[in-house]
Amino acid sequence: LLKFDPHVLHDTAKGWRGLSHAVEDAGSRHRGKVNVP
């Protein structure tokens, strides 16, 4: 606990959140440009 660095977990969380946003965008584009037409 004395050596704990919260930035490591926050940076990892940021990566997971970036993945979530990327697939959300991919899903939206898939529906709009592939599925719908």
Full PDB file with SEQRES, HELIX, SHEET, SSBOND, CRYST1, ORIGX, SCALE, CONECT and MASTER records, all heavy atoms in Angstrom:
SEQRES   1 A   37  LEU LEU LYS PHE ASP PRO HIS VAL LEU HIS ASP THR ALA          
SEQRES   2 A   37  LYS GLY TRP ARG GLY LEU SER HIS ALA VAL GLU ASP ALA          
SEQRES   3 A   37  GLY SER ARG HIS ARG GLY LYS VAL ASN VAL PRO                  
HELIX    1 AA1 PRO A    6  HIS A   30  1                                  25    
HELIX    2 AA2 ARG A   31  ASN A   35  3                                   5    
CRYST1    1.000    1.000    1.000  90.00  90.00  90.00 P 1           1          
ORIGX1      1.000000  0.000000  0.000000        0.00000                         
ORIGX2      0.000000  1.000000  0.000000        0.00000                         
ORIGX3      0.000000  0.000000  1.000000        0.00000                         
SCALE1      1.000000  0.000000  0.000000        0.00000                         
SCALE2      0.000000  1.000000  0.000000        0.00000                         
SCALE3      0.000000  0.000000  1.000000        0.00000                         
ATOM      1  N   LEU A   1       0.829  -1.204   0.000  1.00  0.00           N  
ATOM      2  CA  LEU A   1       0.000   0.000   0.000  1.00  0.00           C  
ATOM      3  C   LEU A   1       0.864   1.255   0.000  1.00  0.00           C  
ATOM      4  O   LEU A   1       0.525   2.243  -0.664  1.00  0.00           O  
ATOM      5  CB  LEU A   1      -0.928  -0.004   1.211  1.00  0.00           C  
ATOM      6  CG  LEU A   1      -1.976   1.108   1.261  1.00  0.00           C  
ATOM      7  CD1 LEU A   1      -2.830   1.108   0.002  1.00  0.00           C  
ATOM      8  CD2 LEU A   1      -2.862   0.965   2.498  1.00  0.00           C  
ATOM      9  N   LEU A   2       1.980   1.230   0.718  1.00  0.00           N  
ATOM     10  CA  LEU A   2       2.862   2.397   0.711  1.00  0.00           C  
ATOM     11  C   LEU A   2       3.418   2.674  -0.678  1.00  0.00           C  
ATOM     12  O   LEU A   2       3.627   3.818  -1.062  1.00  0.00           O  
ATOM     13  CB  LEU A   2       3.998   2.185   1.711  1.00  0.00           C  
ATOM     14  CG  LEU A   2       3.654   2.334   3.193  1.00  0.00           C  
ATOM     15  CD1 LEU A   2       4.883   2.021   4.051  1.00  0.00           C  
ATOM     16  CD2 LEU A   2       3.142   3.743   3.500  1.00  0.00           C  
ATOM     17  N   LYS A   3       3.649   1.616  -1.457  1.00  0.00           N  
ATOM     18  CA  LYS A   3       4.233   1.768  -2.795  1.00  0.00           C  
ATOM     19  C   LYS A   3       3.173   1.898  -3.896  1.00  0.00           C  
ATOM     20  O   LYS A   3       3.524   2.087  -5.063  1.00  0.00           O  
ATOM     21  CB  LYS A   3       5.126   0.570  -3.095  1.00  0.00           C  
ATOM     22  CG  LYS A   3       6.355   0.467  -2.203  1.00  0.00           C  
ATOM     23  CD  LYS A   3       7.287  -0.646  -2.652  1.00  0.00           C  
ATOM     24  CE  LYS A   3       6.651  -2.006  -2.522  1.00  0.00           C  
ATOM     25  NZ  LYS A   3       7.586  -3.104  -2.884  1.00  0.00           N  
ATOM     26  N   PHE A   4       1.903   1.777  -3.529  1.00  0.00           N  
ATOM     27  CA  PHE A   4       0.835   1.738  -4.532  1.00  0.00           C  
ATOM     28  C   PHE A   4       0.816   3.003  -5.398  1.00  0.00           C  
ATOM     29  O   PHE A   4       0.918   4.123  -4.904  1.00  0.00           O  
ATOM     30  CB  PHE A   4      -0.521   1.578  -3.835  1.00  0.00           C  
ATOM     31  CG  PHE A   4      -1.698   1.669  -4.756  1.00  0.00           C  
ATOM     32  CD1 PHE A   4      -1.971   0.649  -5.676  1.00  0.00           C  
ATOM     33  CD2 PHE A   4      -2.543   2.773  -4.724  1.00  0.00           C  
ATOM     34  CE1 PHE A   4      -3.052   0.746  -6.524  1.00  0.00           C  
ATOM     35  CE2 PHE A   4      -3.631   2.867  -5.575  1.00  0.00           C  
ATOM     36  CZ  PHE A   4      -3.891   1.849  -6.484  1.00  0.00           C  
ATOM     37  N   ASP A   5       0.670   2.785  -6.725  1.00  0.00           N  
ATOM     38  CA  ASP A   5       0.567   3.896  -7.676  1.00  0.00           C  
ATOM     39  C   ASP A   5      -0.794   3.807  -8.371  1.00  0.00           C  
ATOM     40  O   ASP A   5      -1.009   2.952  -9.233  1.00  0.00           O  
ATOM     41  CB  ASP A   5       1.685   3.815  -8.711  1.00  0.00           C  
ATOM     42  CG  ASP A   5       1.642   4.981  -9.702  1.00  0.00           C  
ATOM     43  OD1 ASP A   5       0.755   5.847  -9.574  1.00  0.00           O  
ATOM     44  OD2 ASP A   5       2.507   5.002 -10.611  1.00  0.00           O  
ATOM     45  N   PRO A   6      -1.742   4.671  -8.032  1.00  0.00           N  
ATOM     46  CA  PRO A   6      -3.089   4.581  -8.627  1.00  0.00           C  
ATOM     47  C   PRO A   6      -3.108   4.848 -10.121  1.00  0.00           C  
ATOM     48  O   PRO A   6      -4.030   4.419 -10.820  1.00  0.00           O  
ATOM     49  CB  PRO A   6      -3.874   5.658  -7.861  1.00  0.00           C  
ATOM     50  CG  PRO A   6      -2.844   6.624  -7.378  1.00  0.00           C  
ATOM     51  CD  PRO A   6      -1.625   5.794  -7.078  1.00  0.00           C  
ATOM     52  N   HIS A   7      -2.087   5.528 -10.622  1.00  0.00           N  
ATOM     53  CA  HIS A   7      -2.077   5.856 -12.050  1.00  0.00           C  
ATOM     54  C   HIS A   7      -2.023   4.599 -12.915  1.00  0.00           C  
ATOM     55  O   HIS A   7      -2.526   4.600 -14.048  1.00  0.00           O  
ATOM     56  CB  HIS A   7      -0.893   6.763 -12.374  1.00  0.00           C  
ATOM     57  CG  HIS A   7      -0.975   8.110 -11.719  1.00  0.00           C  
ATOM     58  ND1 HIS A   7      -0.363   8.384 -10.512  1.00  0.00           N  
ATOM     59  CD2 HIS A   7      -1.620   9.243 -12.085  1.00  0.00           C  
ATOM     60  CE1 HIS A   7      -0.606   9.643 -10.177  1.00  0.00           C  
ATOM     61  NE2 HIS A   7      -1.377  10.189 -11.100  1.00  0.00           N  
ATOM     62  N   VAL A   8      -1.408   3.555 -12.393  1.00  0.00           N  
ATOM     63  CA  VAL A   8      -1.323   2.320 -13.178  1.00  0.00           C  
ATOM     64  C   VAL A   8      -2.710   1.762 -13.451  1.00  0.00           C  
ATOM     65  O   VAL A   8      -3.055   1.410 -14.587  1.00  0.00           O  
ATOM     66  CB  VAL A   8      -0.456   1.278 -12.437  1.00  0.00           C  
ATOM     67  CG1 VAL A   8      -0.478  -0.057 -13.182  1.00  0.00           C  
ATOM     68  CG2 VAL A   8       0.965   1.774 -12.285  1.00  0.00           C  
ATOM     69  N   LEU A   9      -3.545   1.686 -12.393  1.00  0.00           N  
ATOM     70  CA  LEU A   9      -4.899   1.173 -12.579  1.00  0.00           C  
ATOM     71  C   LEU A   9      -5.756   2.133 -13.396  1.00  0.00           C  
ATOM     72  O   LEU A   9      -6.552   1.711 -14.238  1.00  0.00           O  
ATOM     73  CB  LEU A   9      -5.555   0.921 -11.220  1.00  0.00           C  
ATOM     74  CG  LEU A   9      -5.026  -0.263 -10.402  1.00  0.00           C  
ATOM     75  CD1 LEU A   9      -5.862  -0.447  -9.144  1.00  0.00           C  
ATOM     76  CD2 LEU A   9      -5.035  -1.543 -11.218  1.00  0.00           C  
ATOM     77  N   HIS A  10      -5.593   3.422 -13.149  1.00  0.00           N  
ATOM     78  CA  HIS A  10      -6.375   4.398 -13.920  1.00  0.00           C  
ATOM     79  C   HIS A  10      -6.013   4.349 -15.404  1.00  0.00           C  
ATOM     80  O   HIS A  10      -6.899   4.460 -16.270  1.00  0.00           O  
ATOM     81  CB  HIS A  10      -6.159   5.805 -13.370  1.00  0.00           C  
ATOM     82  CG  HIS A  10      -6.926   6.089 -12.116  1.00  0.00           C  
ATOM     83  ND1 HIS A  10      -8.261   5.824 -11.973  1.00  0.00           N  
ATOM     84  CD2 HIS A  10      -6.519   6.638 -10.920  1.00  0.00           C  
ATOM     85  CE1 HIS A  10      -8.664   6.187 -10.763  1.00  0.00           C  
ATOM     86  NE2 HIS A  10      -7.630   6.672 -10.096  1.00  0.00           N  
ATOM     87  N   ASP A  11      -4.750   4.185 -15.712  1.00  0.00           N  
ATOM     88  CA  ASP A  11      -4.336   4.092 -17.110  1.00  0.00           C  
ATOM     89  C   ASP A  11      -4.893   2.825 -17.759  1.00  0.00           C  
ATOM     90  O   ASP A  11      -5.307   2.838 -18.927  1.00  0.00           O  
ATOM     91  CB  ASP A  11      -2.806   4.099 -17.219  1.00  0.00           C  
ATOM     92  CG  ASP A  11      -2.214   5.471 -16.943  1.00  0.00           C  
ATOM     93  OD1 ASP A  11      -2.983   6.463 -16.950  1.00  0.00           O  
ATOM     94  OD2 ASP A  11      -0.988   5.560 -16.710  1.00  0.00           O  
ATOM     95  N   THR A  12      -4.903   1.737 -16.991  1.00  0.00           N  
ATOM     96  CA  THR A  12      -5.478   0.494 -17.516  1.00  0.00           C  
ATOM     97  C   THR A  12      -6.972   0.659 -17.753  1.00  0.00           C  
ATOM     98  O   THR A  12      -7.516   0.204 -18.775  1.00  0.00           O  
ATOM     99  CB  THR A  12      -5.221  -0.665 -16.539  1.00  0.00           C  
ATOM    100  OG1 THR A  12      -3.826  -0.759 -16.258  1.00  0.00           O  
ATOM    101  CG2 THR A  12      -5.711  -1.978 -17.125  1.00  0.00           C  
ATOM    102  N   ALA A  13      -7.635   1.310 -16.807  1.00  0.00           N  
ATOM    103  CA  ALA A  13      -9.068   1.575 -16.967  1.00  0.00           C  
ATOM    104  C   ALA A  13      -9.324   2.429 -18.208  1.00  0.00           C  
ATOM    105  O   ALA A  13     -10.290   2.194 -18.951  1.00  0.00           O  
ATOM    106  CB  ALA A  13      -9.610   2.292 -15.727  1.00  0.00           C  
ATOM    107  N   LYS A  14      -8.449   3.394 -18.420  1.00  0.00           N  
ATOM    108  CA  LYS A  14      -8.595   4.244 -19.608  1.00  0.00           C  
ATOM    109  C   LYS A  14      -8.502   3.415 -20.878  1.00  0.00           C  
ATOM    110  O   LYS A  14      -9.229   3.653 -21.857  1.00  0.00           O  
ATOM    111  CB  LYS A  14      -7.508   5.326 -19.591  1.00  0.00           C  
ATOM    112  CG  LYS A  14      -7.630   6.352 -20.704  1.00  0.00           C  
ATOM    113  CD  LYS A  14      -6.558   7.427 -20.564  1.00  0.00           C  
ATOM    114  CE  LYS A  14      -6.673   8.467 -21.672  1.00  0.00           C  
ATOM    115  NZ  LYS A  14      -5.616   9.510 -21.543  1.00  0.00           N  
ATOM    116  N   GLY A  15      -7.637   2.431 -20.887  1.00  0.00           N  
ATOM    117  CA  GLY A  15      -7.512   1.552 -22.047  1.00  0.00           C  
ATOM    118  C   GLY A  15      -8.772   0.746 -22.292  1.00  0.00           C  
ATOM    119  O   GLY A  15      -9.249   0.618 -23.428  1.00  0.00           O  
ATOM    120  N   TRP A  16      -9.351   0.196 -21.215  1.00  0.00           N  
ATOM    121  CA  TRP A  16     -10.593  -0.557 -21.355  1.00  0.00           C  
ATOM    122  C   TRP A  16     -11.730   0.348 -21.815  1.00  0.00           C  
ATOM    123  O   TRP A  16     -12.549  -0.048 -22.664  1.00  0.00           O  
ATOM    124  CB  TRP A  16     -10.965  -1.198 -20.015  1.00  0.00           C  
ATOM    125  CG  TRP A  16     -10.225  -2.459 -19.725  1.00  0.00           C  
ATOM    126  CD1 TRP A  16      -9.217  -2.645 -18.823  1.00  0.00           C  
ATOM    127  CD2 TRP A  16     -10.439  -3.733 -20.342  1.00  0.00           C  
ATOM    128  NE1 TRP A  16      -8.779  -3.949 -18.848  1.00  0.00           N  
ATOM    129  CE2 TRP A  16      -9.510  -4.639 -19.771  1.00  0.00           C  
ATOM    130  CE3 TRP A  16     -11.307  -4.188 -21.328  1.00  0.00           C  
ATOM    131  CZ2 TRP A  16      -9.453  -5.976 -20.155  1.00  0.00           C  
ATOM    132  CZ3 TRP A  16     -11.256  -5.526 -21.710  1.00  0.00           C  
ATOM    133  CH2 TRP A  16     -10.335  -6.404 -21.133  1.00  0.00           C  
ATOM    134  N   ARG A  17     -11.758   1.559 -21.294  1.00  0.00           N  
ATOM    135  CA  ARG A  17     -12.822   2.479 -21.699  1.00  0.00           C  
ATOM    136  C   ARG A  17     -12.645   2.886 -23.165  1.00  0.00           C  
ATOM    137  O   ARG A  17     -13.630   3.039 -23.897  1.00  0.00           O  
ATOM    138  CB  ARG A  17     -12.813   3.709 -20.783  1.00  0.00           C  
ATOM    139  CG  ARG A  17     -14.044   4.579 -20.914  1.00  0.00           C  
ATOM    140  CD  ARG A  17     -14.204   5.505 -19.725  1.00  0.00           C  
ATOM    141  NE  ARG A  17     -14.746   4.803 -18.561  1.00  0.00           N  
ATOM    142  CZ  ARG A  17     -14.085   4.621 -17.430  1.00  0.00           C  
ATOM    143  NH1 ARG A  17     -12.848   5.090 -17.291  1.00  0.00           N  
ATOM    144  NH2 ARG A  17     -14.640   3.987 -16.427  1.00  0.00           N  
ATOM    145  N   GLY A  18     -11.408   3.038 -23.576  1.00  0.00           N  
ATOM    146  CA  GLY A  18     -11.155   3.347 -24.983  1.00  0.00           C  
ATOM    147  C   GLY A  18     -11.633   2.219 -25.880  1.00  0.00           C  
ATOM    148  O   GLY A  18     -12.177   2.453 -26.970  1.00  0.00           O  
ATOM    149  N   LEU A  19     -11.426   0.976 -25.431  1.00  0.00           N  
ATOM    150  CA  LEU A  19     -11.921  -0.170 -26.199  1.00  0.00           C  
ATOM    151  C   LEU A  19     -13.436  -0.132 -26.295  1.00  0.00           C  
ATOM    152  O   LEU A  19     -14.013  -0.367 -27.368  1.00  0.00           O  
ATOM    153  CB  LEU A  19     -11.472  -1.470 -25.528  1.00  0.00           C  
ATOM    154  CG  LEU A  19     -12.048  -2.770 -26.116  1.00  0.00           C  
ATOM    155  CD1 LEU A  19     -11.618  -2.944 -27.570  1.00  0.00           C  
ATOM    156  CD2 LEU A  19     -11.625  -3.972 -25.273  1.00  0.00           C  
ATOM    157  N   SER A  20     -14.092   0.188 -25.180  1.00  0.00           N  
ATOM    158  CA  SER A  20     -15.554   0.267 -25.184  1.00  0.00           C  
ATOM    159  C   SER A  20     -16.045   1.310 -26.179  1.00  0.00           C  
ATOM    160  O   SER A  20     -16.974   1.066 -26.953  1.00  0.00           O  
ATOM    161  CB  SER A  20     -16.062   0.613 -23.774  1.00  0.00           C  
ATOM    162  OG  SER A  20     -17.461   0.751 -23.770  1.00  0.00           O  
ATOM    163  N   HIS A  21     -15.419   2.469 -26.176  1.00  0.00           N  
ATOM    164  CA  HIS A  21     -15.839   3.537 -27.085  1.00  0.00           C  
ATOM    165  C   HIS A  21     -15.550   3.159 -28.541  1.00  0.00           C  
ATOM    166  O   HIS A  21     -16.336   3.490 -29.440  1.00  0.00           O  
ATOM    167  CB  HIS A  21     -15.126   4.836 -26.736  1.00  0.00           C  
ATOM    168  CG  HIS A  21     -15.470   5.338 -25.367  1.00  0.00           C  
ATOM    169  ND1 HIS A  21     -14.797   6.380 -24.761  1.00  0.00           N  
ATOM    170  CD2 HIS A  21     -16.407   4.941 -24.476  1.00  0.00           C  
ATOM    171  CE1 HIS A  21     -15.320   6.595 -23.565  1.00  0.00           C  
ATOM    172  NE2 HIS A  21     -16.274   5.727 -23.364  1.00  0.00           N  
ATOM    173  N   ALA A  22     -14.444   2.449 -28.772  1.00  0.00           N  
ATOM    174  CA  ALA A  22     -14.089   2.049 -30.132  1.00  0.00           C  
ATOM    175  C   ALA A  22     -15.105   1.069 -30.700  1.00  0.00           C  
ATOM    176  O   ALA A  22     -15.520   1.198 -31.865  1.00  0.00           O  
ATOM    177  CB  ALA A  22     -12.682   1.442 -30.148  1.00  0.00           C  
ATOM    178  N   VAL A  23     -15.519   0.090 -29.887  1.00  0.00           N  
ATOM    179  CA  VAL A  23     -16.478  -0.884 -30.415  1.00  0.00           C  
ATOM    180  C   VAL A  23     -17.872  -0.261 -30.540  1.00  0.00           C  
ATOM    181  O   VAL A  23     -18.654  -0.655 -31.416  1.00  0.00           O  
ATOM    182  CB  VAL A  23     -16.531  -2.156 -29.540  1.00  0.00           C  
ATOM    183  CG1 VAL A  23     -15.206  -2.886 -29.580  1.00  0.00           C  
ATOM    184  CG2 VAL A  23     -16.936  -1.859 -28.111  1.00  0.00           C  
ATOM    185  N   GLU A  24     -18.174   0.718 -29.677  1.00  0.00           N  
ATOM    186  CA  GLU A  24     -19.445   1.432 -29.837  1.00  0.00           C  
ATOM    187  C   GLU A  24     -19.475   2.146 -31.186  1.00  0.00           C  
ATOM    188  O   GLU A  24     -20.468   2.087 -31.923  1.00  0.00           O  
ATOM    189  CB  GLU A  24     -19.617   2.447 -28.714  1.00  0.00           C  
ATOM    190  CG  GLU A  24     -20.877   3.293 -28.855  1.00  0.00           C  
ATOM    191  CD  GLU A  24     -20.899   4.485 -27.923  1.00  0.00           C  
ATOM    192  OE1 GLU A  24     -19.924   4.678 -27.184  1.00  0.00           O  
ATOM    193  OE2 GLU A  24     -21.893   5.224 -27.948  1.00  0.00           O  
ATOM    194  N   ASP A  25     -18.376   2.793 -31.521  1.00  0.00           N  
ATOM    195  CA  ASP A  25     -18.285   3.481 -32.804  1.00  0.00           C  
ATOM    196  C   ASP A  25     -18.339   2.491 -33.959  1.00  0.00           C  
ATOM    197  O   ASP A  25     -19.006   2.730 -34.966  1.00  0.00           O  
ATOM    198  CB  ASP A  25     -16.984   4.292 -32.857  1.00  0.00           C  
ATOM    199  CG  ASP A  25     -16.840   5.072 -34.150  1.00  0.00           C  
ATOM    200  OD1 ASP A  25     -17.697   5.944 -34.415  1.00  0.00           O  
ATOM    201  OD2 ASP A  25     -15.879   4.802 -34.896  1.00  0.00           O  
ATOM    202  N   ALA A  26     -17.643   1.366 -33.788  1.00  0.00           N  
ATOM    203  CA  ALA A  26     -17.650   0.345 -34.839  1.00  0.00           C  
ATOM    204  C   ALA A  26     -19.059  -0.208 -35.040  1.00  0.00           C  
ATOM    205  O   ALA A  26     -19.496  -0.432 -36.183  1.00  0.00           O  
ATOM    206  CB  ALA A  26     -16.686  -0.786 -34.479  1.00  0.00           C  
ATOM    207  N   GLY A  27     -19.777  -0.441 -33.924  1.00  0.00           N  
ATOM    208  CA  GLY A  27     -21.144  -0.941 -34.039  1.00  0.00           C  
ATOM    209  C   GLY A  27     -22.050   0.046 -34.739  1.00  0.00           C  
ATOM    210  O   GLY A  27     -22.881  -0.334 -35.568  1.00  0.00           O  
ATOM    211  N   SER A  28     -21.888   1.319 -34.429  1.00  0.00           N  
ATOM    212  CA  SER A  28     -22.704   2.345 -35.064  1.00  0.00           C  
ATOM    213  C   SER A  28     -22.427   2.407 -36.563  1.00  0.00           C  
ATOM    214  O   SER A  28     -23.352   2.499 -37.382  1.00  0.00           O  
ATOM    215  CB  SER A  28     -22.421   3.706 -34.413  1.00  0.00           C  
ATOM    216  OG  SER A  28     -23.158   4.723 -35.044  1.00  0.00           O  
ATOM    217  N   ARG A  29     -21.155   2.352 -36.922  1.00  0.00           N  
ATOM    218  CA  ARG A  29     -20.802   2.390 -38.350  1.00  0.00           C  
ATOM    219  C   ARG A  29     -21.270   1.130 -39.064  1.00  0.00           C  
ATOM    220  O   ARG A  29     -21.695   1.178 -40.218  1.00  0.00           O  
ATOM    221  CB  ARG A  29     -19.298   2.579 -38.503  1.00  0.00           C  
ATOM    222  CG  ARG A  29     -18.855   4.009 -38.193  1.00  0.00           C  
ATOM    223  CD  ARG A  29     -17.397   4.256 -38.510  1.00  0.00           C  
ATOM    224  NE  ARG A  29     -16.524   3.657 -37.510  1.00  0.00           N  
ATOM    225  CZ  ARG A  29     -15.728   2.623 -37.724  1.00  0.00           C  
ATOM    226  NH1 ARG A  29     -15.709   2.045 -38.915  1.00  0.00           N  
ATOM    227  NH2 ARG A  29     -14.972   2.140 -36.759  1.00  0.00           N  
ATOM    228  N   HIS A  30     -21.192  -0.010 -38.384  1.00  0.00           N  
ATOM    229  CA  HIS A  30     -21.647  -1.264 -38.996  1.00  0.00           C  
ATOM    230  C   HIS A  30     -23.147  -1.198 -39.296  1.00  0.00           C  
ATOM    231  O   HIS A  30     -23.590  -1.583 -40.384  1.00  0.00           O  
ATOM    232  CB  HIS A  30     -21.348  -2.433 -38.054  1.00  0.00           C  
ATOM    233  CG  HIS A  30     -21.730  -3.771 -38.609  1.00  0.00           C  
ATOM    234  ND1 HIS A  30     -22.990  -4.297 -38.466  1.00  0.00           N  
ATOM    235  CD2 HIS A  30     -21.010  -4.681 -39.312  1.00  0.00           C  
ATOM    236  CE1 HIS A  30     -23.044  -5.484 -39.060  1.00  0.00           C  
ATOM    237  NE2 HIS A  30     -21.861  -5.742 -39.569  1.00  0.00           N  
ATOM    238  N   ARG A  31     -23.919  -0.678 -38.336  1.00  0.00           N  
ATOM    239  CA  ARG A  31     -25.354  -0.576 -38.553  1.00  0.00           C  
ATOM    240  C   ARG A  31     -25.676   0.420 -39.660  1.00  0.00           C  
ATOM    241  O   ARG A  31     -26.535   0.161 -40.512  1.00  0.00           O  
ATOM    242  CB  ARG A  31     -26.055  -0.156 -37.258  1.00  0.00           C  
ATOM    243  CG  ARG A  31     -26.238  -1.285 -36.257  1.00  0.00           C  
ATOM    244  CD  ARG A  31     -27.044  -0.843 -35.046  1.00  0.00           C  
ATOM    245  NE  ARG A  31     -26.251  -0.002 -34.163  1.00  0.00           N  
ATOM    246  CZ  ARG A  31     -25.481  -0.456 -33.198  1.00  0.00           C  
ATOM    247  NH1 ARG A  31     -25.385  -1.753 -32.991  1.00  0.00           N  
ATOM    248  NH2 ARG A  31     -24.792   0.362 -32.426  1.00  0.00           N  
ATOM    249  N   GLY A  32     -24.989   1.564 -39.643  1.00  0.00           N  
ATOM    250  CA  GLY A  32     -25.315   2.614 -40.599  1.00  0.00           C  
ATOM    251  C   GLY A  32     -24.825   2.362 -42.007  1.00  0.00           C  
ATOM    252  O   GLY A  32     -25.498   2.712 -42.976  1.00  0.00           O  
ATOM    253  N   LYS A  33     -23.645   1.730 -42.145  1.00  0.00           N  
ATOM    254  CA  LYS A  33     -23.036   1.600 -43.473  1.00  0.00           C  
ATOM    255  C   LYS A  33     -23.108   0.191 -44.059  1.00  0.00           C  
ATOM    256  O   LYS A  33     -22.823   0.003 -45.242  1.00  0.00           O  
ATOM    257  CB  LYS A  33     -21.580   2.057 -43.406  1.00  0.00           C  
ATOM    258  CG  LYS A  33     -21.431   3.533 -43.048  1.00  0.00           C  
ATOM    259  CD  LYS A  33     -19.985   3.984 -43.099  1.00  0.00           C  
ATOM    260  CE  LYS A  33     -19.864   5.475 -42.794  1.00  0.00           C  
ATOM    261  NZ  LYS A  33     -18.467   5.966 -42.857  1.00  0.00           N  
ATOM    262  N   VAL A  34     -23.445  -0.788 -43.230  1.00  0.00           N  
ATOM    263  CA  VAL A  34     -23.513  -2.166 -43.733  1.00  0.00           C  
ATOM    264  C   VAL A  34     -24.914  -2.724 -43.581  1.00  0.00           C  
ATOM    265  O   VAL A  34     -25.572  -3.082 -44.559  1.00  0.00           O  
ATOM    266  CB  VAL A  34     -22.499  -3.078 -42.990  1.00  0.00           C  
ATOM    267  CG1 VAL A  34     -22.611  -4.513 -43.510  1.00  0.00           C  
ATOM    268  CG2 VAL A  34     -21.085  -2.547 -43.166  1.00  0.00           C  
ATOM    269  N   ASN A  35     -25.379  -2.769 -42.355  1.00  0.00           N  
ATOM    270  CA  ASN A  35     -26.656  -3.413 -42.071  1.00  0.00           C  
ATOM    271  C   ASN A  35     -27.827  -2.691 -42.732  1.00  0.00           C  
ATOM    272  O   ASN A  35     -28.638  -3.299 -43.431  1.00  0.00           O  
ATOM    273  CB  ASN A  35     -26.866  -3.489 -40.557  1.00  0.00           C  
ATOM    274  CG  ASN A  35     -27.860  -4.567 -40.174  1.00  0.00           C  
ATOM    275  OD1 ASN A  35     -28.627  -5.031 -40.993  1.00  0.00           O  
ATOM    276  ND2 ASN A  35     -27.852  -4.942 -38.909  1.00  0.00           N  
ATOM    277  N   VAL A  36     -27.926  -1.391 -42.488  1.00  0.00           N  
ATOM    278  CA  VAL A  36     -29.074  -0.637 -42.989  1.00  0.00           C  
ATOM    279  C   VAL A  36     -29.169  -0.654 -44.510  1.00  0.00           C  
ATOM    280  O   VAL A  36     -30.231  -0.965 -45.059  1.00  0.00           O  
ATOM    281  CB  VAL A  36     -29.031   0.815 -42.463  1.00  0.00           C  
ATOM    282  CG1 VAL A  36     -30.034   1.683 -43.198  1.00  0.00           C  
ATOM    283  CG2 VAL A  36     -29.321   0.834 -40.965  1.00  0.00           C  
ATOM    284  N   PRO A  37     -28.089  -0.357 -45.253  1.00  0.00           N  
ATOM    285  CA  PRO A  37     -28.214  -0.390 -46.711  1.00  0.00           C  
ATOM    286  C   PRO A  37     -28.593  -1.770 -47.250  1.00  0.00           C  
ATOM    287  O   PRO A  37     -29.392  -1.875 -48.193  1.00  0.00           O  
ATOM    288  CB  PRO A  37     -26.811   0.022 -47.189  1.00  0.00           C  
ATOM    289  CG  PRO A  37     -26.249   0.809 -46.063  1.00  0.00           C  
ATOM    290  CD  PRO A  37     -26.770   0.142 -44.833  1.00  0.00           C  
TER     291      PRO A  37                                                      
MASTER        0    0    0    2    0    0    0    6  290    1    0    3          
END                                                                             
